[in-house]
């Protein structure tokens, strides 16, 4: 049996402003850094054998905060990046609606095959993430692996792990610095915990 610890990166200024980040490389805010410290405290006594993160700085710095209490090297890779949002990146809802009204309307109808200009569709994100998460799962079948990523791409990873239909992407949410835990077996994956933010409650960001 293996175990996967999925953690979304801490909050960034763009998260707070409601701006789409995608592949844009945005640093953690002060609140995000504190969130990273808190998830690090929660995982301080948890066995971690391997660690992966998106190569974007918000994920790398969240992962590094966690690994400060573990003697494990971080493997940062572009394979774990968020869905690429093309011309929508950096824009708020109001800005997307104003600048690209037709594309904005198309973006809010849960179409798995919609992408903003130059961007990636939700279905493409799922197809991209499936071999990535399957590879990590296989490499660490008898170990515990930490994966620090993004809300959209980690949802895609969950869909792959749980063998859910692609449409399930609309039914999940993943909060900043939340923890999700999965046990993996040769013929099954079991969700033990999803989107838990109890370690952040005193910041007013828990559920």
C-alpha atoms as a PDB file:
ATOM      1  CA  UNK A   1       0.000   0.000   0.000  1.00  0.00           C
ATOM      2  CA  UNK A   2       1.116   3.536  -0.776  1.00  0.00           C
ATOM      3  CA  UNK A   3      -0.131   6.885   0.461  1.00  0.00           C
ATOM      4  CA  UNK A   4      -0.469  10.171  -1.412  1.00  0.00           C
ATOM      5  CA  UNK A   5      -0.672  13.498   0.444  1.00  0.00           C
ATOM      6  CA  UNK A   6      -2.147  16.151  -1.845  1.00  0.00           C
ATOM      7  CA  UNK A   7      -1.720  19.794  -0.782  1.00  0.00           C
ATOM      8  CA  UNK A   8      -2.823  22.862  -2.693  1.00  0.00           C
ATOM      9  CA  UNK A   9      -0.434  25.819  -2.517  1.00  0.00           C
ATOM     10  CA  UNK A  10      -0.972  28.659  -0.073  1.00  0.00           C
ATOM     11  CA  UNK A  11      -2.887  31.806  -0.926  1.00  0.00           C
ATOM     12  CA  UNK A  12      -1.386  34.365  -3.309  1.00  0.00           C
ATOM     13  CA  UNK A  13      -2.313  38.018  -3.884  1.00  0.00           C
ATOM     14  CA  UNK A  14      -4.077  36.940  -7.087  1.00  0.00           C
ATOM     15  CA  UNK A  15      -6.159  34.390  -5.166  1.00  0.00           C
ATOM     16  CA  UNK A  16      -7.264  37.177  -2.829  1.00  0.00           C
ATOM     17  CA  UNK A  17      -8.096  39.446  -5.790  1.00  0.00           C
ATOM     18  CA  UNK A  18      -9.975  36.716  -7.678  1.00  0.00           C
ATOM     19  CA  UNK A  19      -7.522  36.676 -10.601  1.00  0.00           C
ATOM     20  CA  UNK A  20      -6.969  33.520 -12.652  1.00  0.00           C
ATOM     21  CA  UNK A  21      -3.381  32.323 -12.239  1.00  0.00           C
ATOM     22  CA  UNK A  22      -2.932  29.227 -14.386  1.00  0.00           C
ATOM     23  CA  UNK A  23       0.708  29.116 -15.471  1.00  0.00           C
ATOM     24  CA  UNK A  24       1.421  32.659 -14.231  1.00  0.00           C
ATOM     25  CA  UNK A  25       4.163  32.560 -11.597  1.00  0.00           C
ATOM     26  CA  UNK A  26       2.733  34.375  -8.576  1.00  0.00           C
ATOM     27  CA  UNK A  27       4.411  34.300  -5.157  1.00  0.00           C
ATOM     28  CA  UNK A  28       2.637  33.477  -1.887  1.00  0.00           C
ATOM     29  CA  UNK A  29       1.081  36.332   0.044  1.00  0.00           C
ATOM     30  CA  UNK A  30       1.910  36.827   3.715  1.00  0.00           C
ATOM     31  CA  UNK A  31      -1.266  34.933   4.536  1.00  0.00           C
ATOM     32  CA  UNK A  32      -0.221  32.170   2.144  1.00  0.00           C
ATOM     33  CA  UNK A  33       3.156  31.881   3.840  1.00  0.00           C
ATOM     34  CA  UNK A  34       1.425  31.525   7.207  1.00  0.00           C
ATOM     35  CA  UNK A  35      -0.866  28.854   5.745  1.00  0.00           C
ATOM     36  CA  UNK A  36       2.214  27.003   4.500  1.00  0.00           C
ATOM     37  CA  UNK A  37       3.718  27.136   7.992  1.00  0.00           C
ATOM     38  CA  UNK A  38       0.518  25.698   9.449  1.00  0.00           C
ATOM     39  CA  UNK A  39       0.281  22.780   7.021  1.00  0.00           C
ATOM     40  CA  UNK A  40       3.977  22.178   7.687  1.00  0.00           C
ATOM     41  CA  UNK A  41       3.203  21.925  11.393  1.00  0.00           C
ATOM     42  CA  UNK A  42       0.385  19.510  10.729  1.00  0.00           C
ATOM     43  CA  UNK A  43       2.630  17.245   8.634  1.00  0.00           C
ATOM     44  CA  UNK A  44       5.724  17.578  10.836  1.00  0.00           C
ATOM     45  CA  UNK A  45       5.276  14.131  12.367  1.00  0.00           C
ATOM     46  CA  UNK A  46       3.983  12.427   9.230  1.00  0.00           C
ATOM     47  CA  UNK A  47       6.248  10.106   7.269  1.00  0.00           C
ATOM     48  CA  UNK A  48       7.144  11.513   3.832  1.00  0.00           C
ATOM     49  CA  UNK A  49       9.353   9.425   1.544  1.00  0.00           C
ATOM     50  CA  UNK A  50       9.179  11.512  -1.620  1.00  0.00           C
ATOM     51  CA  UNK A  51       7.993  14.998  -2.518  1.00  0.00           C
ATOM     52  CA  UNK A  52       6.791  16.547  -5.748  1.00  0.00           C
ATOM     53  CA  UNK A  53       5.490  19.984  -6.620  1.00  0.00           C
ATOM     54  CA  UNK A  54       4.596  22.127  -9.577  1.00  0.00           C
ATOM     55  CA  UNK A  55       7.590  24.196 -10.646  1.00  0.00           C
ATOM     56  CA  UNK A  56       5.638  27.431 -10.081  1.00  0.00           C
ATOM     57  CA  UNK A  57       6.903  29.393  -7.094  1.00  0.00           C
ATOM     58  CA  UNK A  58       3.674  29.307  -5.082  1.00  0.00           C
ATOM     59  CA  UNK A  59       3.822  25.513  -5.028  1.00  0.00           C
ATOM     60  CA  UNK A  60       7.567  25.201  -4.570  1.00  0.00           C
ATOM     61  CA  UNK A  61       7.555  27.530  -1.574  1.00  0.00           C
ATOM     62  CA  UNK A  62       4.595  25.743   0.017  1.00  0.00           C
ATOM     63  CA  UNK A  63       6.396  22.425  -0.456  1.00  0.00           C
ATOM     64  CA  UNK A  64       9.669  23.797   0.900  1.00  0.00           C
ATOM     65  CA  UNK A  65       7.910  24.978   4.057  1.00  0.00           C
ATOM     66  CA  UNK A  66       6.578  21.456   4.609  1.00  0.00           C
ATOM     67  CA  UNK A  67       9.912  19.795   3.818  1.00  0.00           C
ATOM     68  CA  UNK A  68      11.817  22.043   6.229  1.00  0.00           C
ATOM     69  CA  UNK A  69      10.796  19.440   8.821  1.00  0.00           C
ATOM     70  CA  UNK A  70      11.684  16.453   6.616  1.00  0.00           C
ATOM     71  CA  UNK A  71      14.965  15.294   5.075  1.00  0.00           C
ATOM     72  CA  UNK A  72      13.433  14.749   1.648  1.00  0.00           C
ATOM     73  CA  UNK A  73      14.458  16.444  -1.627  1.00  0.00           C
ATOM     74  CA  UNK A  74      11.804  18.287  -3.611  1.00  0.00           C
ATOM     75  CA  UNK A  75      11.197  17.277  -7.209  1.00  0.00           C
ATOM     76  CA  UNK A  76       9.637  20.305  -8.922  1.00  0.00           C
ATOM     77  CA  UNK A  77       8.122  19.691 -12.334  1.00  0.00           C
ATOM     78  CA  UNK A  78       6.097  21.577 -14.927  1.00  0.00           C
ATOM     79  CA  UNK A  79       4.023  18.390 -15.306  1.00  0.00           C
ATOM     80  CA  UNK A  80       2.101  19.356 -12.150  1.00  0.00           C
ATOM     81  CA  UNK A  81       1.221  22.876 -13.294  1.00  0.00           C
ATOM     82  CA  UNK A  82      -2.279  24.287 -13.132  1.00  0.00           C
ATOM     83  CA  UNK A  83      -4.589  24.295 -16.133  1.00  0.00           C
ATOM     84  CA  UNK A  84      -3.325  26.906 -18.617  1.00  0.00           C
ATOM     85  CA  UNK A  85      -5.918  29.654 -19.051  1.00  0.00           C
ATOM     86  CA  UNK A  86      -4.414  31.527 -22.001  1.00  0.00           C
ATOM     87  CA  UNK A  87      -5.730  35.081 -22.411  1.00  0.00           C
ATOM     88  CA  UNK A  88      -7.776  34.777 -19.200  1.00  0.00           C
ATOM     89  CA  UNK A  89      -4.680  34.655 -16.984  1.00  0.00           C
ATOM     90  CA  UNK A  90      -4.297  37.594 -14.636  1.00  0.00           C
ATOM     91  CA  UNK A  91      -7.900  38.727 -15.090  1.00  0.00           C
ATOM     92  CA  UNK A  92     -10.753  38.998 -12.597  1.00  0.00           C
ATOM     93  CA  UNK A  93     -14.289  37.853 -13.389  1.00  0.00           C
ATOM     94  CA  UNK A  94     -15.314  41.431 -14.222  1.00  0.00           C
ATOM     95  CA  UNK A  95     -12.307  41.896 -16.499  1.00  0.00           C
ATOM     96  CA  UNK A  96     -12.949  38.616 -18.324  1.00  0.00           C
ATOM     97  CA  UNK A  97     -16.612  39.510 -18.824  1.00  0.00           C
ATOM     98  CA  UNK A  98     -15.711  42.975 -20.129  1.00  0.00           C
ATOM     99  CA  UNK A  99     -12.791  42.093 -22.410  1.00  0.00           C
ATOM    100  CA  UNK A 100     -13.955  38.745 -23.748  1.00  0.00           C
ATOM    101  CA  UNK A 101     -17.759  38.631 -23.410  1.00  0.00           C
ATOM    102  CA  UNK A 102     -18.316  35.698 -25.778  1.00  0.00           C
ATOM    103  CA  UNK A 103     -15.532  33.606 -24.299  1.00  0.00           C
ATOM    104  CA  UNK A 104     -16.633  34.505 -20.795  1.00  0.00           C
ATOM    105  CA  UNK A 105     -20.163  33.281 -21.530  1.00  0.00           C
ATOM    106  CA  UNK A 106     -18.726  30.042 -22.938  1.00  0.00           C
ATOM    107  CA  UNK A 107     -16.536  29.591 -19.853  1.00  0.00           C
ATOM    108  CA  UNK A 108     -19.397  29.424 -17.344  1.00  0.00           C
ATOM    109  CA  UNK A 109     -21.438  26.551 -18.819  1.00  0.00           C
ATOM    110  CA  UNK A 110     -19.302  23.623 -17.599  1.00  0.00           C
ATOM    111  CA  UNK A 111     -18.020  22.664 -21.052  1.00  0.00           C
ATOM    112  CA  UNK A 112     -15.179  20.156 -20.733  1.00  0.00           C
ATOM    113  CA  UNK A 113     -13.907  21.115 -24.184  1.00  0.00           C
ATOM    114  CA  UNK A 114     -13.869  24.895 -23.779  1.00  0.00           C
ATOM    115  CA  UNK A 115     -10.552  26.757 -23.625  1.00  0.00           C
ATOM    116  CA  UNK A 116      -9.835  30.492 -23.694  1.00  0.00           C
ATOM    117  CA  UNK A 117      -7.657  31.553 -26.608  1.00  0.00           C
ATOM    118  CA  UNK A 118      -4.250  29.832 -26.307  1.00  0.00           C
ATOM    119  CA  UNK A 119      -5.470  27.962 -23.217  1.00  0.00           C
ATOM    120  CA  UNK A 120      -6.173  24.399 -22.138  1.00  0.00           C
ATOM    121  CA  UNK A 121      -9.555  22.697 -21.769  1.00  0.00           C
ATOM    122  CA  UNK A 122     -10.591  20.928 -18.545  1.00  0.00           C
ATOM    123  CA  UNK A 123     -10.548  17.633 -20.428  1.00  0.00           C
ATOM    124  CA  UNK A 124      -6.996  18.283 -21.624  1.00  0.00           C
ATOM    125  CA  UNK A 125      -5.926  19.019 -18.043  1.00  0.00           C
ATOM    126  CA  UNK A 126      -7.360  15.689 -16.903  1.00  0.00           C
ATOM    127  CA  UNK A 127      -5.649  13.836 -19.754  1.00  0.00           C
ATOM    128  CA  UNK A 128      -2.358  15.582 -18.933  1.00  0.00           C
ATOM    129  CA  UNK A 129      -2.550  14.841 -15.226  1.00  0.00           C
ATOM    130  CA  UNK A 130      -3.609  11.187 -15.490  1.00  0.00           C
ATOM    131  CA  UNK A 131      -0.184   9.752 -16.494  1.00  0.00           C
ATOM    132  CA  UNK A 132       1.553  12.121 -14.065  1.00  0.00           C
ATOM    133  CA  UNK A 133      -0.392  10.934 -11.013  1.00  0.00           C
ATOM    134  CA  UNK A 134      -0.323   7.316 -12.191  1.00  0.00           C
ATOM    135  CA  UNK A 135       3.454   7.543 -12.518  1.00  0.00           C
ATOM    136  CA  UNK A 136       3.924   8.946  -9.010  1.00  0.00           C
ATOM    137  CA  UNK A 137       1.539   6.319  -7.616  1.00  0.00           C
ATOM    138  CA  UNK A 138       3.514   3.516  -9.287  1.00  0.00           C
ATOM    139  CA  UNK A 139       6.932   4.833  -8.284  1.00  0.00           C
ATOM    140  CA  UNK A 140       5.969   5.040  -4.606  1.00  0.00           C
ATOM    141  CA  UNK A 141       3.624   2.138  -4.194  1.00  0.00           C
ATOM    142  CA  UNK A 142       5.025   1.211  -0.748  1.00  0.00           C
ATOM    143  CA  UNK A 143       5.823   4.770   0.307  1.00  0.00           C
ATOM    144  CA  UNK A 144       4.206   8.073   1.231  1.00  0.00           C
ATOM    145  CA  UNK A 145       4.520  10.790  -1.395  1.00  0.00           C
ATOM    146  CA  UNK A 146       3.722  14.479  -0.929  1.00  0.00           C
ATOM    147  CA  UNK A 147       2.319  16.285  -3.971  1.00  0.00           C
ATOM    148  CA  UNK A 148       1.934  20.071  -3.807  1.00  0.00           C
ATOM    149  CA  UNK A 149      -0.043  21.492  -6.689  1.00  0.00           C
ATOM    150  CA  UNK A 150      -2.925  23.644  -7.819  1.00  0.00           C
ATOM    151  CA  UNK A 151      -6.688  23.506  -7.370  1.00  0.00           C
ATOM    152  CA  UNK A 152      -7.582  22.562 -10.942  1.00  0.00           C
ATOM    153  CA  UNK A 153      -4.751  20.172 -11.708  1.00  0.00           C
ATOM    154  CA  UNK A 154      -5.095  18.400  -8.348  1.00  0.00           C
ATOM    155  CA  UNK A 155      -8.820  17.941  -8.997  1.00  0.00           C
ATOM    156  CA  UNK A 156      -7.809  16.313 -12.267  1.00  0.00           C
ATOM    157  CA  UNK A 157      -5.440  14.062 -10.314  1.00  0.00           C
ATOM    158  CA  UNK A 158      -8.263  13.053  -7.958  1.00  0.00           C
ATOM    159  CA  UNK A 159     -10.473  12.178 -10.935  1.00  0.00           C
ATOM    160  CA  UNK A 160      -7.701   9.950 -12.285  1.00  0.00           C
ATOM    161  CA  UNK A 161      -6.991   8.312  -8.931  1.00  0.00           C
ATOM    162  CA  UNK A 162     -10.642   7.601  -8.206  1.00  0.00           C
ATOM    163  CA  UNK A 163     -11.523   6.694 -11.805  1.00  0.00           C
ATOM    164  CA  UNK A 164     -14.317   9.262 -11.850  1.00  0.00           C
ATOM    165  CA  UNK A 165     -15.971  10.703 -14.955  1.00  0.00           C
ATOM    166  CA  UNK A 166     -14.418  13.879 -16.326  1.00  0.00           C
ATOM    167  CA  UNK A 167     -17.578  15.819 -15.422  1.00  0.00           C
ATOM    168  CA  UNK A 168     -16.686  15.339 -11.758  1.00  0.00           C
ATOM    169  CA  UNK A 169     -14.266  18.257 -12.017  1.00  0.00           C
ATOM    170  CA  UNK A 170     -17.210  20.617 -11.444  1.00  0.00           C
ATOM    171  CA  UNK A 171     -18.124  18.855  -8.190  1.00  0.00           C
ATOM    172  CA  UNK A 172     -14.864  19.339  -6.274  1.00  0.00           C
ATOM    173  CA  UNK A 173     -13.224  22.282  -4.597  1.00  0.00           C
ATOM    174  CA  UNK A 174      -9.742  22.429  -3.096  1.00  0.00           C
ATOM    175  CA  UNK A 175      -8.894  25.261  -0.691  1.00  0.00           C
ATOM    176  CA  UNK A 176      -5.482  26.870  -0.292  1.00  0.00           C
ATOM    177  CA  UNK A 177      -3.180  24.671   1.831  1.00  0.00           C
ATOM    178  CA  UNK A 178      -5.879  22.024   2.255  1.00  0.00           C
ATOM    179  CA  UNK A 179      -4.849  18.415   2.821  1.00  0.00           C
ATOM    180  CA  UNK A 180      -6.255  15.415   0.951  1.00  0.00           C
ATOM    181  CA  UNK A 181      -5.062  11.859   1.628  1.00  0.00           C
ATOM    182  CA  UNK A 182      -5.364   8.749  -0.532  1.00  0.00           C
ATOM    183  CA  UNK A 183      -4.243   5.175   0.078  1.00  0.00           C
ATOM    184  CA  UNK A 184      -3.288   3.324  -3.087  1.00  0.00           C
ATOM    185  CA  UNK A 185      -3.507  -0.417  -3.712  1.00  0.00           C
ATOM    186  CA  UNK A 186      -2.742  -2.563  -6.753  1.00  0.00           C
ATOM    187  CA  UNK A 187      -6.390  -2.582  -7.803  1.00  0.00           C
ATOM    188  CA  UNK A 188      -7.939   0.327  -5.918  1.00  0.00           C
ATOM    189  CA  UNK A 189      -7.523   3.806  -4.449  1.00  0.00           C
ATOM    190  CA  UNK A 190      -9.247   4.844  -1.224  1.00  0.00           C
ATOM    191  CA  UNK A 191      -9.915   8.459  -0.265  1.00  0.00           C
ATOM    192  CA  UNK A 192      -9.193   8.925   3.449  1.00  0.00           C
ATOM    193  CA  UNK A 193      -9.461  12.719   3.635  1.00  0.00           C
ATOM    194  CA  UNK A 194     -10.419  15.471   1.231  1.00  0.00           C
ATOM    195  CA  UNK A 195      -9.920  19.256   1.322  1.00  0.00           C
ATOM    196  CA  UNK A 196      -9.303  19.325   5.069  1.00  0.00           C
ATOM    197  CA  UNK A 197      -8.378  22.779   6.393  1.00  0.00           C
ATOM    198  CA  UNK A 198      -8.826  22.248  10.119  1.00  0.00           C
ATOM    199  CA  UNK A 199      -5.205  23.326  10.674  1.00  0.00           C
ATOM    200  CA  UNK A 200      -6.159  26.761   9.273  1.00  0.00           C
ATOM    201  CA  UNK A 201      -9.295  27.354  11.322  1.00  0.00           C
ATOM    202  CA  UNK A 202      -7.918  30.120  13.505  1.00  0.00           C
ATOM    203  CA  UNK A 203      -7.033  32.085  10.328  1.00  0.00           C
ATOM    204  CA  UNK A 204     -10.698  32.088   9.393  1.00  0.00           C
ATOM    205  CA  UNK A 205     -10.136  29.937   6.311  1.00  0.00           C
ATOM    206  CA  UNK A 206     -11.404  26.569   7.537  1.00  0.00           C
ATOM    207  CA  UNK A 207     -14.712  24.856   6.791  1.00  0.00           C
END
